[in-house]
């Protein structure tokens, strides 16, 4: 009986060792900012649209909406297309601070309120540990290649539209009712 228990325990230990080794192998194969590799998120199927005084400008974006994705951001990216960016989505409006450590390309950081309106546009210097903040709470941050905001006429107060932002379909319209607006009795 004791021999069978030792044999069972040995087999169980071997199985656990194989599972742990396989997990370590597959985990190490995934690139991430933690191991010095750029994190590449899937491109969202819906373009982000910036509504400016001179018209609309569309961007293909990656959406960073988890803490791990927001922490990695565009670190270690060497280049990015001029019509591409990353949208950081926070759970609630709050004070945010960014830095460019481990980010070799210069960026425009566009800070956006709950309503989809741009609150501030700040430059991001490559490899810098200087804190970049809009000076007020925001809900979203859009990172684009440096100079894109100026080139495309994107300015404070402009509207960004995307399902992750959930703004109204056109400037001047109130945000869509998601069931949280007070009901009004027409009578």
C-alpha atoms as a PDB file:
ATOM      1  CA  UNK A   1       0.000   0.000   0.000  1.00  0.00           C
ATOM      2  CA  UNK A   2       2.803   2.416   0.885  1.00  0.00           C
ATOM      3  CA  UNK A   3       4.532   1.609  -2.416  1.00  0.00           C
ATOM      4  CA  UNK A   4       1.373   2.566  -4.362  1.00  0.00           C
ATOM      5  CA  UNK A   5       1.100   5.929  -2.491  1.00  0.00           C
ATOM      6  CA  UNK A   6       4.729   6.766  -3.299  1.00  0.00           C
ATOM      7  CA  UNK A   7       4.205   5.796  -6.933  1.00  0.00           C
ATOM      8  CA  UNK A   8       1.046   7.964  -7.174  1.00  0.00           C
ATOM      9  CA  UNK A   9       2.824  10.883  -5.506  1.00  0.00           C
ATOM     10  CA  UNK A  10       5.755  10.543  -7.931  1.00  0.00           C
ATOM     11  CA  UNK A  11       3.473  10.514 -10.973  1.00  0.00           C
ATOM     12  CA  UNK A  12       1.573  13.565  -9.662  1.00  0.00           C
ATOM     13  CA  UNK A  13       4.843  15.463  -9.116  1.00  0.00           C
ATOM     14  CA  UNK A  14       5.978  14.624 -12.660  1.00  0.00           C
ATOM     15  CA  UNK A  15       2.665  15.814 -14.135  1.00  0.00           C
ATOM     16  CA  UNK A  16       2.832  19.069 -12.165  1.00  0.00           C
ATOM     17  CA  UNK A  17       6.442  19.613 -13.256  1.00  0.00           C
ATOM     18  CA  UNK A  18       5.467  19.175 -16.934  1.00  0.00           C
ATOM     19  CA  UNK A  19       2.558  21.615 -16.553  1.00  0.00           C
ATOM     20  CA  UNK A  20       4.763  24.222 -14.840  1.00  0.00           C
ATOM     21  CA  UNK A  21       7.509  23.828 -17.478  1.00  0.00           C
ATOM     22  CA  UNK A  22       5.007  24.140 -20.336  1.00  0.00           C
ATOM     23  CA  UNK A  23       3.442  27.231 -18.736  1.00  0.00           C
ATOM     24  CA  UNK A  24       6.854  28.848 -18.265  1.00  0.00           C
ATOM     25  CA  UNK A  25       7.764  28.113 -21.897  1.00  0.00           C
ATOM     26  CA  UNK A  26       4.561  29.574 -23.347  1.00  0.00           C
ATOM     27  CA  UNK A  27       4.632  32.569 -20.999  1.00  0.00           C
ATOM     28  CA  UNK A  28       8.195  33.382 -22.049  1.00  0.00           C
ATOM     29  CA  UNK A  29       7.186  33.212 -25.735  1.00  0.00           C
ATOM     30  CA  UNK A  30       4.681  36.080 -25.346  1.00  0.00           C
ATOM     31  CA  UNK A  31       6.351  39.446 -25.987  1.00  0.00           C
ATOM     32  CA  UNK A  32       5.486  42.192 -23.599  1.00  0.00           C
ATOM     33  CA  UNK A  33       6.847  45.476 -22.389  1.00  0.00           C
ATOM     34  CA  UNK A  34       8.029  43.683 -19.258  1.00  0.00           C
ATOM     35  CA  UNK A  35      10.647  41.795 -21.285  1.00  0.00           C
ATOM     36  CA  UNK A  36      11.726  44.765 -23.413  1.00  0.00           C
ATOM     37  CA  UNK A  37       9.484  43.966 -26.376  1.00  0.00           C
ATOM     38  CA  UNK A  38       6.802  46.201 -27.824  1.00  0.00           C
ATOM     39  CA  UNK A  39       3.237  45.235 -26.994  1.00  0.00           C
ATOM     40  CA  UNK A  40       1.114  45.125 -30.145  1.00  0.00           C
ATOM     41  CA  UNK A  41      -2.640  45.122 -29.538  1.00  0.00           C
ATOM     42  CA  UNK A  42      -5.198  44.275 -32.237  1.00  0.00           C
ATOM     43  CA  UNK A  43      -6.331  47.227 -34.321  1.00  0.00           C
ATOM     44  CA  UNK A  44      -9.893  48.142 -33.388  1.00  0.00           C
ATOM     45  CA  UNK A  45     -12.275  47.574 -36.325  1.00  0.00           C
ATOM     46  CA  UNK A  46     -13.864  51.016 -35.848  1.00  0.00           C
ATOM     47  CA  UNK A  47     -11.677  54.026 -36.642  1.00  0.00           C
ATOM     48  CA  UNK A  48     -11.390  56.872 -34.138  1.00  0.00           C
ATOM     49  CA  UNK A  49     -12.563  60.159 -35.676  1.00  0.00           C
ATOM     50  CA  UNK A  50     -11.277  63.577 -34.632  1.00  0.00           C
ATOM     51  CA  UNK A  51     -13.818  66.288 -35.468  1.00  0.00           C
ATOM     52  CA  UNK A  52     -11.848  69.508 -36.031  1.00  0.00           C
ATOM     53  CA  UNK A  53     -12.681  72.997 -37.315  1.00  0.00           C
ATOM     54  CA  UNK A  54     -11.274  71.986 -40.706  1.00  0.00           C
ATOM     55  CA  UNK A  55     -13.078  68.635 -40.944  1.00  0.00           C
ATOM     56  CA  UNK A  56     -12.826  65.059 -39.742  1.00  0.00           C
ATOM     57  CA  UNK A  57      -9.672  62.966 -39.501  1.00  0.00           C
ATOM     58  CA  UNK A  58      -9.771  59.154 -39.017  1.00  0.00           C
ATOM     59  CA  UNK A  59      -7.208  57.035 -37.180  1.00  0.00           C
ATOM     60  CA  UNK A  60      -6.762  53.309 -36.839  1.00  0.00           C
ATOM     61  CA  UNK A  61      -6.199  52.648 -33.157  1.00  0.00           C
ATOM     62  CA  UNK A  62      -5.262  50.036 -30.631  1.00  0.00           C
ATOM     63  CA  UNK A  63      -7.343  50.246 -27.445  1.00  0.00           C
ATOM     64  CA  UNK A  64      -5.490  49.855 -24.139  1.00  0.00           C
ATOM     65  CA  UNK A  65      -8.270  49.318 -21.604  1.00  0.00           C
ATOM     66  CA  UNK A  66      -6.671  47.088 -18.967  1.00  0.00           C
ATOM     67  CA  UNK A  67      -4.115  48.177 -16.400  1.00  0.00           C
ATOM     68  CA  UNK A  68      -1.400  45.977 -17.952  1.00  0.00           C
ATOM     69  CA  UNK A  69      -2.092  47.366 -21.448  1.00  0.00           C
ATOM     70  CA  UNK A  70      -2.095  50.963 -20.187  1.00  0.00           C
ATOM     71  CA  UNK A  71       1.200  50.406 -18.327  1.00  0.00           C
ATOM     72  CA  UNK A  72       2.916  48.991 -21.439  1.00  0.00           C
ATOM     73  CA  UNK A  73       1.380  51.433 -23.926  1.00  0.00           C
ATOM     74  CA  UNK A  74       3.703  52.237 -26.817  1.00  0.00           C
ATOM     75  CA  UNK A  75       6.910  51.368 -24.978  1.00  0.00           C
ATOM     76  CA  UNK A  76       9.674  49.984 -27.205  1.00  0.00           C
ATOM     77  CA  UNK A  77       7.875  50.981 -30.434  1.00  0.00           C
ATOM     78  CA  UNK A  78      10.373  52.354 -32.937  1.00  0.00           C
ATOM     79  CA  UNK A  79       7.853  53.770 -35.414  1.00  0.00           C
ATOM     80  CA  UNK A  80       4.155  54.081 -36.105  1.00  0.00           C
ATOM     81  CA  UNK A  81       2.084  55.162 -39.095  1.00  0.00           C
ATOM     82  CA  UNK A  82       0.873  58.770 -39.121  1.00  0.00           C
ATOM     83  CA  UNK A  83      -2.758  57.617 -39.141  1.00  0.00           C
ATOM     84  CA  UNK A  84      -2.340  55.145 -36.261  1.00  0.00           C
ATOM     85  CA  UNK A  85      -2.495  55.594 -32.500  1.00  0.00           C
ATOM     86  CA  UNK A  86      -3.298  54.058 -29.145  1.00  0.00           C
ATOM     87  CA  UNK A  87      -6.344  55.024 -27.088  1.00  0.00           C
ATOM     88  CA  UNK A  88      -5.984  54.584 -23.325  1.00  0.00           C
ATOM     89  CA  UNK A  89      -9.365  54.002 -21.671  1.00  0.00           C
ATOM     90  CA  UNK A  90      -9.678  54.459 -17.907  1.00  0.00           C
ATOM     91  CA  UNK A  91     -12.562  53.105 -15.834  1.00  0.00           C
ATOM     92  CA  UNK A  92     -13.493  56.578 -14.592  1.00  0.00           C
ATOM     93  CA  UNK A  93     -12.490  60.211 -15.003  1.00  0.00           C
ATOM     94  CA  UNK A  94      -9.372  60.819 -12.921  1.00  0.00           C
ATOM     95  CA  UNK A  95      -5.987  62.502 -12.701  1.00  0.00           C
ATOM     96  CA  UNK A  96      -3.514  60.720 -14.973  1.00  0.00           C
ATOM     97  CA  UNK A  97       0.248  60.975 -15.334  1.00  0.00           C
ATOM     98  CA  UNK A  98       2.249  59.619 -18.247  1.00  0.00           C
ATOM     99  CA  UNK A  99       5.956  59.363 -18.965  1.00  0.00           C
ATOM    100  CA  UNK A 100       7.997  58.252 -21.964  1.00  0.00           C
ATOM    101  CA  UNK A 101      10.548  55.953 -20.313  1.00  0.00           C
ATOM    102  CA  UNK A 102      11.349  53.096 -22.737  1.00  0.00           C
ATOM    103  CA  UNK A 103       9.480  54.852 -25.561  1.00  0.00           C
ATOM    104  CA  UNK A 104      11.936  55.695 -28.362  1.00  0.00           C
ATOM    105  CA  UNK A 105       9.598  57.693 -30.620  1.00  0.00           C
ATOM    106  CA  UNK A 106       8.211  61.162 -29.864  1.00  0.00           C
ATOM    107  CA  UNK A 107       4.450  61.334 -29.361  1.00  0.00           C
ATOM    108  CA  UNK A 108       1.510  63.700 -29.081  1.00  0.00           C
ATOM    109  CA  UNK A 109      -0.472  62.892 -25.913  1.00  0.00           C
ATOM    110  CA  UNK A 110      -4.077  64.023 -26.309  1.00  0.00           C
ATOM    111  CA  UNK A 111      -6.016  64.135 -23.036  1.00  0.00           C
ATOM    112  CA  UNK A 112      -9.766  63.684 -23.405  1.00  0.00           C
ATOM    113  CA  UNK A 113     -12.697  64.168 -21.036  1.00  0.00           C
ATOM    114  CA  UNK A 114     -15.690  61.878 -20.482  1.00  0.00           C
ATOM    115  CA  UNK A 115     -17.602  63.841 -23.132  1.00  0.00           C
ATOM    116  CA  UNK A 116     -14.996  63.117 -25.819  1.00  0.00           C
ATOM    117  CA  UNK A 117     -13.711  66.713 -25.867  1.00  0.00           C
ATOM    118  CA  UNK A 118      -9.963  67.303 -25.943  1.00  0.00           C
ATOM    119  CA  UNK A 119      -8.780  68.931 -22.716  1.00  0.00           C
ATOM    120  CA  UNK A 120      -5.045  69.213 -23.492  1.00  0.00           C
ATOM    121  CA  UNK A 121      -2.398  68.193 -26.022  1.00  0.00           C
ATOM    122  CA  UNK A 122       1.106  67.633 -24.665  1.00  0.00           C
ATOM    123  CA  UNK A 123       4.353  66.574 -26.345  1.00  0.00           C
ATOM    124  CA  UNK A 124       6.072  63.384 -25.240  1.00  0.00           C
ATOM    125  CA  UNK A 125       9.882  63.351 -25.443  1.00  0.00           C
ATOM    126  CA  UNK A 126      11.492  59.976 -26.219  1.00  0.00           C
ATOM    127  CA  UNK A 127      12.989  58.082 -23.266  1.00  0.00           C
ATOM    128  CA  UNK A 128      12.030  60.847 -20.816  1.00  0.00           C
ATOM    129  CA  UNK A 129      10.951  60.226 -17.228  1.00  0.00           C
ATOM    130  CA  UNK A 130       9.347  63.684 -17.002  1.00  0.00           C
ATOM    131  CA  UNK A 131       5.716  63.505 -15.924  1.00  0.00           C
ATOM    132  CA  UNK A 132       3.162  64.487 -18.587  1.00  0.00           C
ATOM    133  CA  UNK A 133      -0.223  65.499 -17.197  1.00  0.00           C
ATOM    134  CA  UNK A 134      -3.153  67.571 -18.482  1.00  0.00           C
ATOM    135  CA  UNK A 135      -3.614  69.383 -15.169  1.00  0.00           C
ATOM    136  CA  UNK A 136      -7.221  68.158 -14.821  1.00  0.00           C
ATOM    137  CA  UNK A 137      -8.998  64.794 -14.575  1.00  0.00           C
ATOM    138  CA  UNK A 138      -9.630  62.989 -17.879  1.00  0.00           C
ATOM    139  CA  UNK A 139     -11.133  59.687 -18.961  1.00  0.00           C
ATOM    140  CA  UNK A 140      -9.126  58.928 -22.121  1.00  0.00           C
ATOM    141  CA  UNK A 141      -5.683  59.578 -23.584  1.00  0.00           C
ATOM    142  CA  UNK A 142      -4.885  59.241 -27.281  1.00  0.00           C
ATOM    143  CA  UNK A 143      -1.240  58.818 -28.264  1.00  0.00           C
ATOM    144  CA  UNK A 144      -0.295  59.710 -31.838  1.00  0.00           C
ATOM    145  CA  UNK A 145       3.002  60.164 -33.653  1.00  0.00           C
ATOM    146  CA  UNK A 146       4.536  63.547 -32.712  1.00  0.00           C
ATOM    147  CA  UNK A 147       3.319  66.392 -34.889  1.00  0.00           C
ATOM    148  CA  UNK A 148       0.112  64.642 -35.961  1.00  0.00           C
ATOM    149  CA  UNK A 149      -2.157  66.915 -33.912  1.00  0.00           C
ATOM    150  CA  UNK A 150      -0.646  70.083 -35.406  1.00  0.00           C
ATOM    151  CA  UNK A 151      -0.545  68.645 -38.946  1.00  0.00           C
ATOM    152  CA  UNK A 152      -4.230  67.616 -38.804  1.00  0.00           C
ATOM    153  CA  UNK A 153      -5.487  70.738 -37.002  1.00  0.00           C
ATOM    154  CA  UNK A 154      -6.458  68.828 -33.847  1.00  0.00           C
ATOM    155  CA  UNK A 155      -6.877  71.298 -30.975  1.00  0.00           C
ATOM    156  CA  UNK A 156      -8.221  71.710 -27.449  1.00  0.00           C
ATOM    157  CA  UNK A 157     -12.020  71.490 -27.436  1.00  0.00           C
ATOM    158  CA  UNK A 158     -12.222  69.273 -30.545  1.00  0.00           C
ATOM    159  CA  UNK A 159     -14.350  66.142 -30.320  1.00  0.00           C
ATOM    160  CA  UNK A 160     -13.106  62.552 -30.580  1.00  0.00           C
ATOM    161  CA  UNK A 161     -15.641  59.911 -31.634  1.00  0.00           C
ATOM    162  CA  UNK A 162     -15.234  56.175 -31.084  1.00  0.00           C
ATOM    163  CA  UNK A 163     -17.388  53.479 -29.434  1.00  0.00           C
ATOM    164  CA  UNK A 164     -14.889  53.254 -26.546  1.00  0.00           C
ATOM    165  CA  UNK A 165     -15.453  56.950 -25.869  1.00  0.00           C
ATOM    166  CA  UNK A 166     -19.225  56.798 -26.343  1.00  0.00           C
ATOM    167  CA  UNK A 167     -19.739  60.410 -27.380  1.00  0.00           C
ATOM    168  CA  UNK A 168     -22.586  61.885 -29.378  1.00  0.00           C
ATOM    169  CA  UNK A 169     -22.590  61.334 -33.115  1.00  0.00           C
ATOM    170  CA  UNK A 170     -21.998  64.989 -33.955  1.00  0.00           C
ATOM    171  CA  UNK A 171     -20.689  68.153 -32.306  1.00  0.00           C
ATOM    172  CA  UNK A 172     -23.247  70.055 -30.273  1.00  0.00           C
ATOM    173  CA  UNK A 173     -25.369  66.977 -29.628  1.00  0.00           C
ATOM    174  CA  UNK A 174     -25.739  65.705 -26.049  1.00  0.00           C
ATOM    175  CA  UNK A 175     -24.153  62.348 -25.245  1.00  0.00           C
ATOM    176  CA  UNK A 176     -26.283  59.324 -26.077  1.00  0.00           C
ATOM    177  CA  UNK A 177     -28.750  58.243 -23.387  1.00  0.00           C
ATOM    178  CA  UNK A 178     -27.460  55.001 -21.904  1.00  0.00           C
ATOM    179  CA  UNK A 179     -30.406  54.637 -19.561  1.00  0.00           C
ATOM    180  CA  UNK A 180     -28.924  56.948 -16.939  1.00  0.00           C
ATOM    181  CA  UNK A 181     -30.668  60.193 -17.972  1.00  0.00           C
ATOM    182  CA  UNK A 182     -33.674  61.361 -15.984  1.00  0.00           C
ATOM    183  CA  UNK A 183     -36.923  60.565 -17.719  1.00  0.00           C
ATOM    184  CA  UNK A 184     -39.061  63.479 -18.779  1.00  0.00           C
ATOM    185  CA  UNK A 185     -42.828  63.170 -18.823  1.00  0.00           C
ATOM    186  CA  UNK A 186     -44.115  65.002 -21.927  1.00  0.00           C
ATOM    187  CA  UNK A 187     -47.494  65.735 -20.236  1.00  0.00           C
END
